[in-house]
Structure formats: structure tokens, C-alpha cells
């Protein structure tokens, strides 16, 4: 099997390439990146291309499968740019796959594509949702708008190409140690230093009502991609590890004391910092996180045979360890020497980086 992976140099890409490298059924892997690694090593054939500008039809000819991971998280102050890259670029890649005769497409969607959870106001207990939960996203954040729009666009694309097997993976927050420094640049900015995130260095943590989320390790997402490529499954699959992470669990990892803080106060502070360009994460993204549903992963376990090897707290601990003791990875986007948040026009994959 010949597999083409877009966004192969980032967080998700690292997990996918590791999984494919140990699969004897995959004969060759092509990584598509705007900036391939300077020392690529064996096992991956690299193609220098930008999914927002370049036609990938030739790169996809002869391939059995496409794994589309490329995504741009920043700049949040320029949603027209992220739309052009994420939505129009993704549609162009899928058109190229159909033109090239690719028989299987694995598309990286997200928990962010889902409509707000039924208890978004915090009034009831969580109700895990399956893959049939509406995917209309949260309109206040570019990331969730774009993920939801692509779900609708892929409905039409799938109907037009019924012979192509389409798998949509919807992971929760994806972490790995090597991607931590990049994720800090993309979401927290330069004022969150590595010394600050060491356990015991943060004395108090805001206890925001209703804040909880799911996580999964990048390598476990890579395993889900491997299983999707080798099987005959179609359709969407939720990917998350147990348990659900709340502020109590996060405070335990950081050895911090929880202090109740109203949602409005946290949002106001984040909004002020974002408008002043002190942090890259937008207040709309904070709103979206508060509304994310808890996903039921039974279908991935039953149909794909997928079981995460790492718990959610292990994935989060790997991320925190990577923040406190950064090592980065071998690609430009995972390098600890890269400066600042992603620049305008940079395409990202997984939890944010440009390949």
C-alpha cells in the first residue's frame, strides 16, 4: 500500500508516521510538507508542497490512500486566511485525490466539529455523544466553524464519489511530548514560559465552571489511522482516552490549588489579552471549549478495534513534561528553536503547526 500524508510534519503527523512505519502492509509513505525535515531519514518520501496553493494530483497518482491532516490554527486575527487554507485547501486536496484515483481517504476532523453539548449551561450531567451527534460546530470560533463546514462539504463529496472509502476521524485534544513547545507557541504565546508550567510552580488554578475536556495521545491517533487504512470501515469515529479531564485533575497534575473564577472573568481577561495580541488563542475558542460534548468512543473500539494505549492523563502529562523540559521533534514545526506563533499562511496539522 502506498499512502500519502498531508500535514506529516506536525503533532498528528508524527503519530501517523510512527504507526505506518511499523505496518508491513504499508510499502511506501509520501509526506507532503511545505517545509520537509532537513534530515528526513529513511522510510518517508517527502514532497515539498503547500496544500493551499499547489495541485497535489501528481503527488497522489499511484497512491492507494490519502491521510489528510494539514490544518492552519493561526492567525486567529485573520479568519479569511484560515478559511482559505483549511476549507478551500482541504477541498482542493480531496478533489485531487478523486482525480488521481485514490481509493481510500482518511480525513482528520475533530471534536470541534460537534454542536454544543446538551449540558452546555452546566445544568445537567454530561451525556456522551456518538458519531450521530450533529456536527454544526460553534459559530464563534474559526476552528469550529471550519471543521463543521468541512463535514457538510464531505457529505457532498462522498455522495459524488461512492467508490472512494472515506473515513472521518474526530479526535479530542491531541498531545505528545515533542509537540508541546509548538502548541505553547500556537495557543499560549511567549509569556507562558517553561519554568511556569513545572508542577508546583503555579500556586493556584482557575476553577472555571463546566470546564472539562478529553485528550488522546498522538501515537494513539496514529494507530487509529493505521487501523482505518487496513480495514474496510467507513464513516466517522470518535477518538478519546479515558478519563475525562476536569480542572481538579489538571490541578492535581500541576500541584496547584483550585480557586473558583466565573467564566465571564476568565473570558474577559483572555479577550483583552487576545485583542492586545499578547496571546494567540481567541476568546471564541475558549467559548467553544466550554461547549464541547464528551464523546463516546464505542464505535472506534467496536468497528476499528481501536483501544488507546495511554490514558488521557498520561497524554496530558506528556504535554506538560514537554513544556517544562522541551526537546521538540525533528521537523521544523516541532523544533524548540522555532520562534513565535505560526506566521500568516502557515499550514498546520494536528494541534497546530505548518508542515
Protein backbone atom coordinates (compact mmCIF):
# COMPACT_ATOMS: atom_id res chain seq x y z
CA UNK A 1 0.00 0.00 0.00
CA UNK A 2 1.22 3.48 -0.91
CA UNK A 3 0.00 6.22 1.46
CA UNK A 4 0.21 10.00 1.05
CA UNK A 5 0.07 12.02 4.28
CA UNK A 6 -0.52 15.77 4.25
CA UNK A 7 0.48 17.65 7.39
CA UNK A 8 3.05 14.95 8.04
CA UNK A 9 5.49 17.10 10.00
CA UNK A 10 3.29 18.08 12.93
CA UNK A 11 1.74 16.61 16.05
CA UNK A 12 -0.72 14.27 14.35
CA UNK A 13 1.72 13.58 11.53
CA UNK A 14 4.36 12.35 13.97
CA UNK A 15 1.96 9.78 15.41
CA UNK A 16 0.72 8.68 11.99
CA UNK A 17 4.21 8.21 10.53
CA UNK A 18 5.26 6.16 13.56
CA UNK A 19 2.24 3.89 13.16
CA UNK A 20 2.73 3.44 9.42
CA UNK A 21 6.45 2.72 9.85
CA UNK A 22 5.71 -0.43 11.83
CA UNK A 23 2.98 -1.69 9.48
CA UNK A 24 4.26 -4.28 6.96
CA UNK A 25 1.17 -3.74 4.82
CA UNK A 26 2.31 -0.20 4.01
CA UNK A 27 5.00 -0.37 1.36
CA UNK A 28 5.68 3.35 0.92
CA UNK A 29 4.75 6.62 2.58
CA UNK A 30 4.80 10.07 0.98
CA UNK A 31 4.87 13.03 3.35
CA UNK A 32 3.57 16.32 1.96
CA UNK A 33 5.02 19.40 3.62
CA UNK A 34 5.78 23.00 2.83
CA UNK A 35 9.00 22.56 4.80
CA UNK A 36 10.18 18.94 4.84
CA UNK A 37 12.57 17.96 7.63
CA UNK A 38 16.18 18.93 6.91
CA UNK A 39 17.37 15.41 7.78
CA UNK A 40 14.43 13.28 6.60
CA UNK A 41 15.91 9.86 7.31
CA UNK A 42 14.64 6.62 5.78
CA UNK A 43 11.09 5.41 5.33
CA UNK A 44 9.32 8.53 4.02
CA UNK A 45 9.46 10.12 0.58
CA UNK A 46 8.95 13.86 1.02
CA UNK A 47 7.17 16.18 -1.40
CA UNK A 48 7.53 19.92 -0.91
CA UNK A 49 4.07 21.43 -1.46
CA UNK A 50 1.57 23.81 0.07
CA UNK A 51 -1.99 22.45 0.15
CA UNK A 52 -3.39 25.96 -0.13
CA UNK A 53 -1.56 26.74 -3.38
CA UNK A 54 -0.28 23.58 -5.05
CA UNK A 55 -2.13 20.92 -7.01
CA UNK A 56 -1.39 17.56 -5.37
CA UNK A 57 -2.86 15.42 -8.14
CA UNK A 58 0.54 14.27 -9.41
CA UNK A 59 1.76 13.52 -5.88
CA UNK A 60 -1.35 11.38 -5.34
CA UNK A 61 -1.16 9.39 -8.57
CA UNK A 62 -0.41 5.76 -7.84
CA UNK A 63 -1.32 6.13 -4.17
CA UNK A 64 -3.79 3.77 -2.55
CA UNK A 65 -4.72 6.12 0.27
CA UNK A 66 -4.65 9.75 1.37
CA UNK A 67 -4.40 10.74 5.02
CA UNK A 68 -5.29 14.43 5.21
CA UNK A 69 -4.04 16.09 8.40
CA UNK A 70 -2.94 19.56 7.23
CA UNK A 71 -4.51 22.42 9.17
CA UNK A 72 -3.83 26.09 9.97
CA UNK A 73 -4.63 27.25 13.51
CA UNK A 74 -3.16 30.73 13.33
CA UNK A 75 -3.58 33.61 12.77
CA UNK A 76 -6.88 33.81 14.65
CA UNK A 77 -6.99 37.53 13.81
CA UNK A 78 -7.31 36.65 10.12
CA UNK A 79 -10.17 34.14 9.74
CA UNK A 80 -10.31 34.75 5.99
CA UNK A 81 -6.80 33.29 5.70
CA UNK A 82 -7.54 30.22 7.81
CA UNK A 83 -10.71 29.65 5.77
CA UNK A 84 -8.74 29.83 2.54
CA UNK A 85 -6.19 27.33 3.77
CA UNK A 86 -8.29 24.95 5.84
CA UNK A 87 -11.52 24.83 3.90
CA UNK A 88 -10.57 25.67 0.33
CA UNK A 89 -7.22 23.87 0.65
CA UNK A 90 -8.87 20.74 2.05
CA UNK A 91 -11.48 20.70 -0.70
CA UNK A 92 -8.72 21.02 -3.30
CA UNK A 93 -6.82 18.08 -1.77
CA UNK A 94 -9.93 15.89 -1.83
CA UNK A 95 -10.63 16.82 -5.44
CA UNK A 96 -7.04 15.91 -6.30
CA UNK A 97 -7.44 12.54 -4.55
CA UNK A 98 -10.51 11.74 -6.63
CA UNK A 99 -8.79 12.85 -9.84
CA UNK A 100 -5.73 10.72 -9.03
CA UNK A 101 -7.82 7.60 -8.42
CA UNK A 102 -7.13 7.21 -4.70
CA UNK A 103 -9.38 4.52 -3.25
CA UNK A 104 -9.25 5.42 0.47
CA UNK A 105 -9.27 8.82 2.19
CA UNK A 106 -8.79 9.30 5.92
CA UNK A 107 -9.77 12.81 6.91
CA UNK A 108 -8.82 14.40 10.24
CA UNK A 109 -11.93 16.09 11.57
CA UNK A 110 -12.25 17.00 15.26
CA UNK A 111 -14.38 17.04 18.37
CA UNK A 112 -14.62 20.74 17.46
CA UNK A 113 -16.96 19.86 14.58
CA UNK A 114 -19.69 18.81 17.02
CA UNK A 115 -22.58 21.01 18.04
CA UNK A 116 -22.57 22.22 21.67
CA UNK A 117 -23.21 19.56 24.25
CA UNK A 118 -26.70 19.20 25.74
CA UNK A 119 -25.48 20.45 29.13
CA UNK A 120 -23.54 23.45 27.82
CA UNK A 121 -25.06 25.62 30.53
CA UNK A 122 -23.69 23.27 33.21
CA UNK A 123 -27.18 22.43 34.45
CA UNK A 124 -27.08 18.68 33.87
CA UNK A 125 -24.60 15.82 33.93
CA UNK A 126 -22.52 15.02 30.88
CA UNK A 127 -24.12 12.78 28.29
CA UNK A 128 -21.50 11.21 25.98
CA UNK A 129 -22.45 11.61 22.35
CA UNK A 130 -21.87 9.24 19.47
CA UNK A 131 -20.91 9.95 15.90
CA UNK A 132 -24.53 10.74 15.05
CA UNK A 133 -24.46 13.90 17.19
CA UNK A 134 -24.93 16.98 14.94
CA UNK A 135 -21.73 18.44 13.51
CA UNK A 136 -22.65 22.11 13.26
CA UNK A 137 -19.79 23.31 15.41
CA UNK A 138 -19.70 26.50 17.48
CA UNK A 139 -20.08 29.59 15.25
CA UNK A 140 -17.97 31.88 17.42
CA UNK A 141 -14.58 30.32 16.60
CA UNK A 142 -12.94 29.93 13.20
CA UNK A 143 -11.60 26.47 14.06
CA UNK A 144 -15.01 25.01 14.91
CA UNK A 145 -16.75 26.78 12.01
CA UNK A 146 -14.24 25.37 9.54
CA UNK A 147 -14.33 21.83 10.91
CA UNK A 148 -18.13 21.84 10.80
CA UNK A 149 -18.28 23.26 7.28
CA UNK A 150 -15.95 20.55 6.02
CA UNK A 151 -18.21 17.88 7.48
CA UNK A 152 -21.04 19.21 5.28
CA UNK A 153 -18.77 19.56 2.27
CA UNK A 154 -17.52 16.00 2.69
CA UNK A 155 -21.11 14.75 2.76
CA UNK A 156 -21.46 16.03 -0.78
CA UNK A 157 -18.00 14.84 -1.85
CA UNK A 158 -18.73 11.35 -0.53
CA UNK A 159 -22.02 11.21 -2.42
CA UNK A 160 -20.23 12.21 -5.63
CA UNK A 161 -17.53 9.55 -5.16
CA UNK A 162 -19.27 6.48 -3.68
CA UNK A 163 -16.43 4.14 -4.72
CA UNK A 164 -13.91 6.02 -2.55
CA UNK A 165 -13.88 4.85 1.04
CA UNK A 166 -13.99 7.91 3.30
CA UNK A 167 -13.09 7.67 6.99
CA UNK A 168 -13.53 10.70 9.23
CA UNK A 169 -11.57 10.65 12.48
CA UNK A 170 -12.77 13.04 15.18
CA UNK A 171 -10.09 13.17 17.86
CA UNK A 172 -10.24 15.09 21.11
CA UNK A 173 -7.28 17.28 22.15
CA UNK A 174 -4.17 15.55 20.80
CA UNK A 175 -0.93 15.67 22.78
CA UNK A 176 2.60 14.33 22.61
CA UNK A 177 5.75 15.42 24.38
CA UNK A 178 7.60 16.54 21.28
CA UNK A 179 4.77 18.85 20.17
CA UNK A 180 4.42 20.73 23.45
CA UNK A 181 6.65 23.68 22.59
CA UNK A 182 4.84 24.20 19.32
CA UNK A 183 1.44 24.03 20.98
CA UNK A 184 2.58 26.60 23.55
CA UNK A 185 3.57 28.96 20.72
CA UNK A 186 0.25 28.49 18.95
CA UNK A 187 -2.15 28.78 21.87
CA UNK A 188 -0.43 30.31 24.92
CA UNK A 189 2.17 32.60 23.39
CA UNK A 190 5.61 33.64 24.64
CA UNK A 191 4.51 34.74 28.11
CA UNK A 192 3.83 31.18 29.27
CA UNK A 193 7.39 30.08 29.96
CA UNK A 194 8.67 26.57 30.57
CA UNK A 195 9.54 27.40 34.17
CA UNK A 196 5.96 28.45 34.84
CA UNK A 197 4.37 25.13 33.84
CA UNK A 198 6.51 22.89 36.02
CA UNK A 199 4.43 21.09 38.67
CA UNK A 200 4.36 23.15 41.83
CA UNK A 201 5.27 26.43 40.11
CA UNK A 202 1.64 27.52 39.60
CA UNK A 203 0.20 28.09 43.08
CA UNK A 204 -3.44 28.46 42.01
CA UNK A 205 -5.50 27.41 39.01
CA UNK A 206 -8.84 28.97 38.00
CA UNK A 207 -11.72 26.58 38.65
CA UNK A 208 -13.91 27.54 35.72
CA UNK A 209 -17.44 26.10 35.98
CA UNK A 210 -18.11 23.45 33.35
CA UNK A 211 -14.55 23.27 32.02
CA UNK A 212 -13.62 19.71 31.15
CA UNK A 213 -12.24 18.05 28.06
CA UNK A 214 -10.97 14.80 26.59
CA UNK A 215 -7.47 14.09 25.36
CA UNK A 216 -5.68 11.44 23.36
CA UNK A 217 -2.03 10.76 22.59
CA UNK A 218 -0.79 11.43 19.06
CA UNK A 219 0.54 7.88 18.77
CA UNK A 220 -2.91 6.50 19.58
CA UNK A 221 -4.42 8.64 16.83
CA UNK A 222 -1.74 7.25 14.53
CA UNK A 223 -2.84 3.74 15.44
CA UNK A 224 -6.44 4.63 14.59
CA UNK A 225 -5.25 5.84 11.17
CA UNK A 226 -3.36 2.59 10.64
CA UNK A 227 -6.42 0.52 11.51
CA UNK A 228 -8.63 2.65 9.26
CA UNK A 229 -6.28 2.21 6.31
CA UNK A 230 -6.01 -1.56 6.64
CA UNK A 231 -9.69 -2.32 7.24
CA UNK A 232 -12.84 -1.64 5.28
CA UNK A 233 -14.56 0.73 7.71
CA UNK A 234 -16.26 3.89 6.52
CA UNK A 235 -17.71 6.91 8.22
CA UNK A 236 -16.87 8.86 11.38
CA UNK A 237 -15.05 7.68 14.50
CA UNK A 238 -14.62 9.47 17.82
CA UNK A 239 -11.13 9.19 19.34
CA UNK A 240 -10.51 9.93 23.01
CA UNK A 241 -8.91 8.27 26.01
CA UNK A 242 -10.35 7.93 29.50
CA UNK A 243 -10.95 9.62 31.86
CA UNK A 244 -12.46 13.00 31.04
CA UNK A 245 -10.11 15.71 32.33
CA UNK A 246 -11.57 18.42 34.56
CA UNK A 247 -9.99 21.26 36.50
CA UNK A 248 -9.49 19.04 39.54
CA UNK A 249 -7.43 16.56 37.51
CA UNK A 250 -5.45 19.38 35.89
CA UNK A 251 -4.75 20.96 39.27
CA UNK A 252 -3.51 17.61 40.54
CA UNK A 253 -1.04 17.31 37.68
CA UNK A 254 0.25 20.83 38.29
CA UNK A 255 0.10 20.53 42.11
CA UNK A 256 -1.94 23.71 42.19
CA UNK A 257 -4.83 24.85 44.36
CA UNK A 258 -8.17 25.49 42.67
CA UNK A 259 -9.75 28.91 43.07
CA UNK A 260 -13.32 29.42 41.78
CA UNK A 261 -13.41 32.00 38.99
CA UNK A 262 -16.50 32.91 36.94
CA UNK A 263 -16.46 32.06 33.25
CA UNK A 264 -17.09 35.69 32.37
CA UNK A 265 -13.99 36.87 34.24
CA UNK A 266 -11.73 34.35 32.52
CA UNK A 267 -13.18 35.18 29.12
CA UNK A 268 -12.81 38.91 29.68
CA UNK A 269 -9.15 38.50 30.59
CA UNK A 270 -8.49 36.26 27.60
CA UNK A 271 -10.33 38.62 25.26
CA UNK A 272 -8.29 41.59 26.44
CA UNK A 273 -5.04 39.66 26.01
CA UNK A 274 -6.09 38.47 22.54
CA UNK A 275 -7.08 41.93 21.33
CA UNK A 276 -3.73 43.23 22.59
CA UNK A 277 -2.06 40.30 20.76
CA UNK A 278 -0.50 39.02 23.96
CA UNK A 279 -1.93 35.52 23.45
CA UNK A 280 -2.78 33.82 20.14
CA UNK A 281 -5.82 31.84 21.36
CA UNK A 282 -9.07 33.72 20.74
CA UNK A 283 -11.90 34.14 23.26
CA UNK A 284 -14.16 32.39 20.76
CA UNK A 285 -12.04 29.28 21.09
CA UNK A 286 -12.49 29.43 24.88
CA UNK A 287 -16.26 29.62 24.33
CA UNK A 288 -16.08 26.61 22.03
CA UNK A 289 -14.09 24.51 24.52
CA UNK A 290 -16.67 25.14 27.22
CA UNK A 291 -19.35 23.75 24.90
CA UNK A 292 -17.59 20.65 23.59
CA UNK A 293 -19.51 17.44 24.17
CA UNK A 294 -17.97 14.38 25.78
CA UNK A 295 -17.53 11.82 23.02
CA UNK A 296 -18.50 8.17 23.20
CA UNK A 297 -15.71 6.11 21.59
CA UNK A 298 -17.53 2.77 21.42
CA UNK A 299 -17.69 2.76 17.62
CA UNK A 300 -13.93 3.15 17.24
CA UNK A 301 -13.38 0.31 19.67
CA UNK A 302 -16.01 -1.99 18.14
CA UNK A 303 -15.56 -1.29 14.42
CA UNK A 304 -11.90 -0.30 14.13
CA UNK A 305 -10.71 -2.44 17.01
CA UNK A 306 -9.03 0.66 18.45
CA UNK A 307 -8.04 0.97 22.09
CA UNK A 308 -5.81 3.84 23.27
CA UNK A 309 -2.63 2.64 24.95
CA UNK A 310 -2.30 5.82 27.03
CA UNK A 311 -4.86 7.34 29.35
CA UNK A 312 -5.96 10.94 28.97
CA UNK A 313 -3.89 11.97 31.98
CA UNK A 314 -0.83 10.23 30.53
CA UNK A 315 -1.26 12.15 27.28
CA UNK A 316 -1.68 15.41 29.18
CA UNK A 317 1.30 14.61 31.40
CA UNK A 318 3.44 14.07 28.31
CA UNK A 319 2.40 17.51 27.07
CA UNK A 320 3.17 19.18 30.40
CA UNK A 321 6.52 17.42 30.61
CA UNK A 322 7.32 18.65 27.11
CA UNK A 323 6.52 22.20 28.20
CA UNK A 324 8.67 22.01 31.31
CA UNK A 325 11.59 20.18 29.64
CA UNK A 326 11.27 20.98 25.94
CA UNK A 327 13.00 18.77 23.42
CA UNK A 328 10.80 19.22 20.37
CA UNK A 329 10.93 16.99 17.33
CA UNK A 330 12.96 16.59 14.14
CA UNK A 331 10.71 18.66 11.89
CA UNK A 332 10.71 22.47 11.53
CA UNK A 333 7.28 22.85 13.09
CA UNK A 334 8.17 20.75 16.15
CA UNK A 335 11.57 22.37 16.63
CA UNK A 336 12.06 24.07 20.02
CA UNK A 337 14.13 26.72 18.22
CA UNK A 338 11.21 27.94 16.11
CA UNK A 339 10.07 31.34 17.29
CA UNK A 340 6.66 32.87 17.83
CA UNK A 341 3.24 31.66 16.82
CA UNK A 342 2.60 30.37 13.34
CA UNK A 343 3.05 33.09 10.74
CA UNK A 344 0.39 34.13 8.28
CA UNK A 345 -0.05 31.48 5.64
CA UNK A 346 1.48 28.66 7.64
CA UNK A 347 -0.42 25.41 7.29
CA UNK A 348 -0.77 23.29 10.39
CA UNK A 349 -1.62 19.74 11.30
CA UNK A 350 -2.93 18.10 14.44
CA UNK A 351 -2.98 20.63 17.22
CA UNK A 352 -1.41 23.31 15.15
CA UNK A 353 1.66 23.60 13.05
CA UNK A 354 2.56 24.14 9.44
CA UNK A 355 4.13 21.15 7.65
